[in-house]
PDB file of N, CA and C in Angstrom:
ATOM      1  N   MET A   1       8.374 -15.591  23.276  1.00  0.00           N
ATOM      2  CA  MET A   1       6.711 -14.408  23.145  1.00  0.00           C
ATOM      3  C   MET A   1       7.809 -13.547  23.722  1.00  0.00           C
ATOM      4  N   GLN A   2       8.774 -13.382  23.915  1.00  0.00           N
ATOM      5  CA  GLN A   2       9.373 -12.284  23.653  1.00  0.00           C
ATOM      6  C   GLN A   2       9.898 -11.375  22.125  1.00  0.00           C
ATOM      7  N   THR A   3      10.225 -11.748  21.826  1.00  0.00           N
ATOM      8  CA  THR A   3      10.010 -11.721  19.984  1.00  0.00           C
ATOM      9  C   THR A   3       8.128 -11.353  19.168  1.00  0.00           C
ATOM     10  N   VAL A   4       7.164 -11.653  19.646  1.00  0.00           N
ATOM     11  CA  VAL A   4       6.249 -11.696  19.754  1.00  0.00           C
ATOM     12  C   VAL A   4       5.548 -10.061  20.147  1.00  0.00           C
ATOM     13  N   MET A   5       6.301  -9.928  20.937  1.00  0.00           N
ATOM     14  CA  MET A   5       6.004  -8.722  22.307  1.00  0.00           C
ATOM     15  C   MET A   5       7.025  -7.973  21.457  1.00  0.00           C
ATOM     16  N   GLN A   6       7.361  -7.659  21.531  1.00  0.00           N
ATOM     17  CA  GLN A   6       8.454  -7.390  20.484  1.00  0.00           C
ATOM     18  C   GLN A   6       7.834  -5.948  18.725  1.00  0.00           C
ATOM     19  N   THR A   7       7.304  -7.135  18.071  1.00  0.00           N
ATOM     20  CA  THR A   7       6.729  -6.617  16.854  1.00  0.00           C
ATOM     21  C   THR A   7       5.053  -6.119  17.444  1.00  0.00           C
ATOM     22  N   LEU A   8       4.679  -6.353  18.262  1.00  0.00           N
ATOM     23  CA  LEU A   8       2.822  -5.478  18.101  1.00  0.00           C
ATOM     24  C   LEU A   8       3.251  -4.148  19.051  1.00  0.00           C
ATOM     25  N   GLY A   9       2.320  -3.489  18.025  1.00  0.00           N
ATOM     26  CA  GLY A   9       2.468  -2.542  19.077  1.00  0.00           C
ATOM     27  C   GLY A   9       2.082  -1.320  17.795  1.00  0.00           C
ATOM     28  N   PRO A  10       1.967   0.157  17.684  1.00  0.00           N
ATOM     29  CA  PRO A  10       1.633   0.435  16.286  1.00  0.00           C
ATOM     30  C   PRO A  10       2.921   1.060  15.603  1.00  0.00           C
ATOM     31  N   THR A  11       2.932   1.577  14.422  1.00  0.00           N
ATOM     32  CA  THR A  11       3.954   1.554  13.877  1.00  0.00           C
ATOM     33  C   THR A  11       5.211   2.988  13.909  1.00  0.00           C
ATOM     34  N   THR A  12       6.242   3.171  13.716  1.00  0.00           N
ATOM     35  CA  THR A  12       6.829   3.771  13.620  1.00  0.00           C
ATOM     36  C   THR A  12       6.717   4.691  12.422  1.00  0.00           C
ATOM     37  N   GLU A  13       7.179   6.273  13.084  1.00  0.00           N
ATOM     38  CA  GLU A  13       7.561   7.044  11.432  1.00  0.00           C
ATOM     39  C   GLU A  13       7.861   6.289   9.952  1.00  0.00           C
ATOM     40  N   ARG A  14       9.040   5.766  10.597  1.00  0.00           N
ATOM     41  CA  ARG A  14       9.344   4.818   9.853  1.00  0.00           C
ATOM     42  C   ARG A  14       8.986   4.073   8.902  1.00  0.00           C
ATOM     43  N   GLN A  15       7.856   3.225   9.321  1.00  0.00           N
ATOM     44  CA  GLN A  15       7.351   2.141   9.255  1.00  0.00           C
ATOM     45  C   GLN A  15       5.877   2.382   8.553  1.00  0.00           C
ATOM     46  N   ARG A  16       5.814   3.677   8.224  1.00  0.00           N
ATOM     47  CA  ARG A  16       4.388   4.368   7.327  1.00  0.00           C
ATOM     48  C   ARG A  16       4.443   4.633   6.224  1.00  0.00           C
ATOM     49  N   HIS A  17       4.083   4.458   5.176  1.00  0.00           N
ATOM     50  CA  HIS A  17       4.019   4.785   4.461  1.00  0.00           C
ATOM     51  C   HIS A  17       2.745   5.187   3.461  1.00  0.00           C
ATOM     52  N   ILE A  18       3.131   6.793   3.157  1.00  0.00           N
ATOM     53  CA  ILE A  18       2.013   8.046   3.089  1.00  0.00           C
ATOM     54  C   ILE A  18       1.163   7.458   1.589  1.00  0.00           C
ATOM     55  N   VAL A  19       2.261   7.283   0.982  1.00  0.00           N
ATOM     56  CA  VAL A  19       1.308   7.275  -0.186  1.00  0.00           C
ATOM     57  C   VAL A  19       0.340   5.940   0.048  1.00  0.00           C
ATOM     58  N   LEU A  20       0.891   5.149   0.503  1.00  0.00           N
ATOM     59  CA  LEU A  20      -0.203   3.814   0.814  1.00  0.00           C
ATOM     60  C   LEU A  20      -1.695   4.450   2.012  1.00  0.00           C
ATOM     61  N   ASP A  21      -1.358   5.447   2.713  1.00  0.00           N
ATOM     62  CA  ASP A  21      -2.318   5.720   3.655  1.00  0.00           C
ATOM     63  C   ASP A  21      -3.021   7.317   2.746  1.00  0.00           C
ATOM     64  N   ALA A  22      -2.693   7.569   1.826  1.00  0.00           N
ATOM     65  CA  ALA A  22      -3.328   8.630   0.865  1.00  0.00           C
ATOM     66  C   ALA A  22      -4.381   7.237   0.586  1.00  0.00           C
ATOM     67  N   LEU A  23      -3.872   6.533  -0.508  1.00  0.00           N
ATOM     68  CA  LEU A  23      -4.824   5.418  -0.683  1.00  0.00           C
ATOM     69  C   LEU A  23      -5.942   4.915  -0.092  1.00  0.00           C
ATOM     70  N   ARG A  24      -5.665   4.513   0.813  1.00  0.00           N
ATOM     71  CA  ARG A  24      -6.236   4.104   1.898  1.00  0.00           C
ATOM     72  C   ARG A  24      -8.094   4.796   1.814  1.00  0.00           C
ATOM     73  N   GLY A  25      -7.448   6.145   2.167  1.00  0.00           N
ATOM     74  CA  GLY A  25      -8.314   7.408   2.470  1.00  0.00           C
ATOM     75  C   GLY A  25      -8.988   7.559   1.598  1.00  0.00           C
ATOM     76  N   LEU A  26      -8.817   7.801   0.292  1.00  0.00           N
ATOM     77  CA  LEU A  26      -9.068   7.403  -1.204  1.00  0.00           C
ATOM     78  C   LEU A  26     -10.590   6.519  -0.877  1.00  0.00           C
ATOM     79  N   ALA A  27     -10.013   5.500  -0.947  1.00  0.00           N
ATOM     80  CA  ALA A  27     -10.648   4.316  -1.441  1.00  0.00           C
ATOM     81  C   ALA A  27     -12.125   3.977   0.570  1.00  0.00           C
ATOM     82  N   LEU A  28     -11.820   4.637   1.498  1.00  0.00           N
ATOM     83  CA  LEU A  28     -12.970   5.458   2.419  1.00  0.00           C
ATOM     84  C   LEU A  28     -13.981   6.219   1.911  1.00  0.00           C
ATOM     85  N   LEU A  29     -12.928   7.596   1.264  1.00  0.00           N
ATOM     86  CA  LEU A  29     -13.886   8.506   0.509  1.00  0.00           C
ATOM     87  C   LEU A  29     -15.134   7.874  -0.462  1.00  0.00           C
ATOM     88  N   GLY A  30     -13.864   6.801  -1.106  1.00  0.00           N
ATOM     89  CA  GLY A  30     -15.162   6.776  -2.443  1.00  0.00           C
ATOM     90  C   GLY A  30     -16.361   5.352  -1.796  1.00  0.00           C
ATOM     91  N   ILE A  31     -16.034   4.948  -1.016  1.00  0.00           N
ATOM     92  CA  ILE A  31     -16.416   4.334  -0.093  1.00  0.00           C
ATOM     93  C   ILE A  31     -18.404   5.280   0.285  1.00  0.00           C
ATOM     94  N   ALA A  32     -17.280   6.045   1.095  1.00  0.00           N
ATOM     95  CA  ALA A  32     -18.354   6.774   1.667  1.00  0.00           C
ATOM     96  C   ALA A  32     -19.768   7.465   0.368  1.00  0.00           C
ATOM     97  N   LEU A  33     -18.961   8.240  -0.181  1.00  0.00           N
ATOM     98  CA  LEU A  33     -19.701   8.682  -1.255  1.00  0.00           C
ATOM     99  C   LEU A  33     -20.263   7.298  -2.690  1.00  0.00           C
ATOM    100  N   ALA A  34     -20.677   6.947  -2.431  1.00  0.00           N
ATOM    101  CA  ALA A  34     -20.800   5.346  -2.890  1.00  0.00           C
ATOM    102  C   ALA A  34     -22.160   5.081  -2.172  1.00  0.00           C
ATOM    103  N   ASN A  35     -22.073   5.360  -0.571  1.00  0.00           N
ATOM    104  CA  ASN A  35     -23.140   4.801   0.126  1.00  0.00           C
ATOM    105  C   ASN A  35     -23.618   6.269   0.374  1.00  0.00           C
ATOM    106  N   PHE A  36     -24.417   7.156   0.223  1.00  0.00           N
ATOM    107  CA  PHE A  36     -24.341   8.471   0.154  1.00  0.00           C
ATOM    108  C   PHE A  36     -25.686   8.229  -0.212  1.00  0.00           C
ATOM    109  N   PRO A  37     -26.427   7.783  -1.800  1.00  0.00           N
ATOM    110  CA  PRO A  37     -27.497   8.022  -1.751  1.00  0.00           C
ATOM    111  C   PRO A  37     -28.293   7.524  -1.305  1.00  0.00           C
ATOM    112  N   GLU A  38     -27.668   6.132   0.218  1.00  0.00           N
ATOM    113  CA  GLU A  38     -28.186   5.481   0.618  1.00  0.00           C
ATOM    114  C   GLU A  38     -28.504   6.057   2.154  1.00  0.00           C
ATOM    115  N   PHE A  39     -27.787   6.291   2.266  1.00  0.00           N
ATOM    116  CA  PHE A  39     -28.121   6.947   3.711  1.00  0.00           C
ATOM    117  C   PHE A  39     -29.112   7.850   3.904  1.00  0.00           C
ATOM    118  N   ALA A  40     -29.713   8.846   2.707  1.00  0.00           N
ATOM    119  CA  ALA A  40     -30.756   9.759   1.560  1.00  0.00           C
ATOM    120  C   ALA A  40     -31.474   9.279   2.470  1.00  0.00           C
ATOM    121  N   LEU A  41     -31.516   8.515   2.366  1.00  0.00           N
ATOM    122  CA  LEU A  41     -32.782   7.796   2.209  1.00  0.00           C
ATOM    123  C   LEU A  41     -34.104   8.018   4.419  1.00  0.00           C
TER     124      LEU A  41
END
């Protein structure tokens, strides 16, 4: 059980991949832009 507790938690700066974060942001922006016409109804 101790091993599981050590792996859970927020990621550290060293574990982050800036490129993946940017791609996720672009994907969310694309989803929002695609849904704007439906939000205007």
